[in-house]
C-alpha atoms as a PDB file:
ATOM      1  CA  MET A   1      25.884 -10.195 -41.336  1.00  0.00           C
ATOM      2  CA  VAL A   2      24.376 -10.264 -37.822  1.00  0.00           C
ATOM      3  CA  LYS A   3      20.799  -9.064 -37.387  1.00  0.00           C
ATOM      4  CA  PRO A   4      20.222  -6.511 -34.618  1.00  0.00           C
ATOM      5  CA  ALA A   5      18.234  -7.710 -31.611  1.00  0.00           C
ATOM      6  CA  VAL A   6      14.714  -6.308 -31.401  1.00  0.00           C
ATOM      7  CA  PHE A   7      12.995  -5.981 -28.032  1.00  0.00           C
ATOM      8  CA  PRO A   8       9.379  -4.838 -28.486  1.00  0.00           C
ATOM      9  CA  GLN A   9       8.858  -4.711 -24.702  1.00  0.00           C
ATOM     10  CA  VAL A  10      11.534  -2.037 -24.369  1.00  0.00           C
ATOM     11  CA  ASP A  11      10.007   0.005 -27.183  1.00  0.00           C
ATOM     12  CA  ALA A  12       6.626  -0.115 -25.446  1.00  0.00           C
ATOM     13  CA  ILE A  13       7.957   1.503 -22.248  1.00  0.00           C
ATOM     14  CA  ARG A  14       6.791   5.072 -21.960  1.00  0.00           C
ATOM     15  CA  VAL A  15       9.110   7.569 -20.366  1.00  0.00           C
ATOM     16  CA  PRO A  16       7.259   9.880 -17.952  1.00  0.00           C
ATOM     17  CA  ARG A  17       7.470  13.574 -18.558  1.00  0.00           C
ATOM     18  CA  SER A  18       9.436  15.582 -16.043  1.00  0.00           C
ATOM     19  CA  ARG A  19       7.585  17.607 -13.424  1.00  0.00           C
ATOM     20  CA  GLU A  20       9.085  20.842 -14.764  1.00  0.00           C
ATOM     21  CA  ALA A  21       7.253  20.357 -18.048  1.00  0.00           C
ATOM     22  CA  THR A  22       3.817  20.144 -16.430  1.00  0.00           C
ATOM     23  CA  PRO A  23       2.115  23.370 -15.383  1.00  0.00           C
ATOM     24  CA  PRO A  24       1.062  23.721 -11.721  1.00  0.00           C
ATOM     25  CA  ARG A  25      -2.530  22.760 -10.984  1.00  0.00           C
ATOM     26  CA  ALA A  26      -4.993  25.028  -9.298  1.00  0.00           C
ATOM     27  CA  GLY A  27      -6.775  23.892  -6.147  1.00  0.00           C
ATOM     28  CA  ARG A  28      -6.229  20.444  -4.675  1.00  0.00           C
ATOM     29  CA  SER A  29      -3.599  18.403  -6.392  1.00  0.00           C
ATOM     30  CA  GLU A  30      -4.213  14.937  -7.748  1.00  0.00           C
ATOM     31  CA  GLU A  31      -1.350  13.528  -5.660  1.00  0.00           C
ATOM     32  CA  SER A  32      -2.934  14.470  -2.312  1.00  0.00           C
ATOM     33  CA  THR A  33      -6.259  12.970  -3.352  1.00  0.00           C
ATOM     34  CA  SER A  34      -4.665   9.742  -4.516  1.00  0.00           C
ATOM     35  CA  PHE A  35      -2.608   9.439  -1.318  1.00  0.00           C
ATOM     36  CA  GLY A  36      -5.770   9.836   0.738  1.00  0.00           C
ATOM     37  CA  LYS A  37      -7.524   7.177  -1.309  1.00  0.00           C
ATOM     38  CA  VAL A  38      -4.580   4.798  -0.967  1.00  0.00           C
ATOM     39  CA  LEU A  39      -4.514   5.362   2.773  1.00  0.00           C
ATOM     40  CA  ASP A  40      -8.265   4.827   3.028  1.00  0.00           C
ATOM     41  CA  ARG A  41      -8.048   1.567   1.054  1.00  0.00           C
ATOM     42  CA  ALA A  42      -5.174   0.368   3.244  1.00  0.00           C
ATOM     43  CA  LEU A  43      -7.140   1.062   6.422  1.00  0.00           C
ATOM     44  CA  HIS A  44     -10.152  -0.804   5.068  1.00  0.00           C
ATOM     45  CA  LYS A  45      -7.904  -3.714   4.059  1.00  0.00           C
ATOM     46  CA  VAL A  46      -6.422  -3.965   7.554  1.00  0.00           C
ATOM     47  CA  ASP A  47      -9.869  -3.730   9.112  1.00  0.00           C
ATOM     48  CA  GLY A  48     -11.183  -6.421   6.779  1.00  0.00           C
ATOM     49  CA  ASP A  49      -8.252  -8.719   7.536  1.00  0.00           C
ATOM     50  CA  LEU A  50      -8.768  -8.287  11.283  1.00  0.00           C
ATOM     51  CA  LYS A  51     -12.481  -9.052  10.975  1.00  0.00           C
ATOM     52  CA  GLN A  52     -11.724 -12.064   8.783  1.00  0.00           C
ATOM     53  CA  ALA A  53      -9.219 -13.369  11.343  1.00  0.00           C
ATOM     54  CA  ASP A  54     -11.786 -12.940  14.113  1.00  0.00           C
ATOM     55  CA  GLN A  55     -14.345 -14.851  12.064  1.00  0.00           C
ATOM     56  CA  ALA A  56     -11.762 -17.564  11.304  1.00  0.00           C
ATOM     57  CA  VAL A  57     -11.198 -18.112  15.027  1.00  0.00           C
ATOM     58  CA  LYS A  58     -14.945 -18.391  15.602  1.00  0.00           C
ATOM     59  CA  ASP A  59     -15.275 -20.835  12.689  1.00  0.00           C
ATOM     60  CA  PHE A  60     -12.378 -22.907  14.035  1.00  0.00           C
ATOM     61  CA  LEU A  61     -13.927 -23.105  17.470  1.00  0.00           C
ATOM     62  CA  GLN A  62     -17.183 -24.297  15.916  1.00  0.00           C
ATOM     63  CA  GLY A  63     -15.337 -26.928  13.859  1.00  0.00           C
ATOM     64  CA  ARG A  64     -16.048 -25.394  10.441  1.00  0.00           C
ATOM     65  CA  LEU A  65     -12.415 -24.454   9.679  1.00  0.00           C
ATOM     66  CA  ASP A  66      -9.041 -26.211   9.784  1.00  0.00           C
ATOM     67  CA  ILE A  67      -6.312 -24.987  12.098  1.00  0.00           C
ATOM     68  CA  GLN A  68      -4.062 -24.217   9.120  1.00  0.00           C
ATOM     69  CA  GLN A  69      -6.646 -21.922   7.536  1.00  0.00           C
ATOM     70  CA  MET A  70      -7.197 -20.179  10.842  1.00  0.00           C
ATOM     71  CA  ALA A  71      -3.443 -19.712  11.328  1.00  0.00           C
ATOM     72  CA  ILE A  72      -3.058 -18.280   7.827  1.00  0.00           C
ATOM     73  CA  SER A  73      -5.874 -15.825   8.446  1.00  0.00           C
ATOM     74  CA  LEU A  74      -4.380 -14.740  11.772  1.00  0.00           C
ATOM     75  CA  GLU A  75      -0.922 -14.338  10.242  1.00  0.00           C
ATOM     76  CA  ARG A  76      -2.293 -12.248   7.363  1.00  0.00           C
ATOM     77  CA  ALA A  77      -4.049  -9.949   9.824  1.00  0.00           C
ATOM     78  CA  ASP A  78      -0.898  -9.684  11.927  1.00  0.00           C
ATOM     79  CA  LEU A  79       1.279  -8.796   8.943  1.00  0.00           C
ATOM     80  CA  THR A  80      -1.079  -6.156   7.590  1.00  0.00           C
ATOM     81  CA  LEU A  81      -1.400  -4.578  11.038  1.00  0.00           C
ATOM     82  CA  ARG A  82       2.387  -4.506  11.452  1.00  0.00           C
ATOM     83  CA  LEU A  83       2.785  -2.929   8.027  1.00  0.00           C
ATOM     84  CA  LEU A  84       0.212  -0.266   8.842  1.00  0.00           C
ATOM     85  CA  THR A  85       1.981   0.469  12.128  1.00  0.00           C
ATOM     86  CA  ARG A  86       5.343   0.846  10.391  1.00  0.00           C
ATOM     87  CA  VAL A  87       3.902   3.158   7.763  1.00  0.00           C
ATOM     88  CA  ARG A  88       2.257   5.247  10.473  1.00  0.00           C
ATOM     89  CA  ASN A  89       5.539   5.486  12.380  1.00  0.00           C
ATOM     90  CA  ARG A  90       7.398   6.564   9.235  1.00  0.00           C
ATOM     91  CA  VAL A  91       4.815   9.253   8.487  1.00  0.00           C
ATOM     92  CA  ILE A  92       5.034  10.567  12.060  1.00  0.00           C
ATOM     93  CA  ASP A  93       8.848  10.591  11.893  1.00  0.00           C
ATOM     94  CA  ALA A  94       8.742  12.479   8.596  1.00  0.00           C
ATOM     95  CA  TYR A  95       6.311  15.015  10.058  1.00  0.00           C
ATOM     96  CA  ARG A  96       8.546  15.553  13.095  1.00  0.00           C
ATOM     97  CA  GLU A  97      11.603  15.987  10.904  1.00  0.00           C
ATOM     98  CA  ILE A  98       9.834  18.516   8.685  1.00  0.00           C
ATOM     99  CA  SER A  99       8.541  20.426  11.705  1.00  0.00           C
ATOM    100  CA  ARG A 100      12.100  20.756  13.072  1.00  0.00           C
ATOM    101  CA  MET A 101      13.380  22.329   9.846  1.00  0.00           C
ATOM    102  CA  ASN A 102      14.300  25.995   9.961  1.00  0.00           C
ATOM    103  CA  ILE A 103      12.696  28.087   7.286  1.00  0.00           C
END
């Protein structure tokens, strides 16, 4: 007889409850607060990466940093800034699309 396969990782997965089952919350919702916090953290991350890249250039010019480390720092700052710009553009596009909807 063949033993059935047991996957404890699959059993540990929790299925989220549907939104219909949860009652509406009064006041500010948790989702809007968490989105604001995520956005705030992302802005601080981009700002920190830009400041770190600026410091890396200064350290390179003073001979305290290798060119590879400076290039990595500059590339990280560039990528995070591009990502932030794309997210901003998507949010603006979504806002414009919603504002054009007829109610």
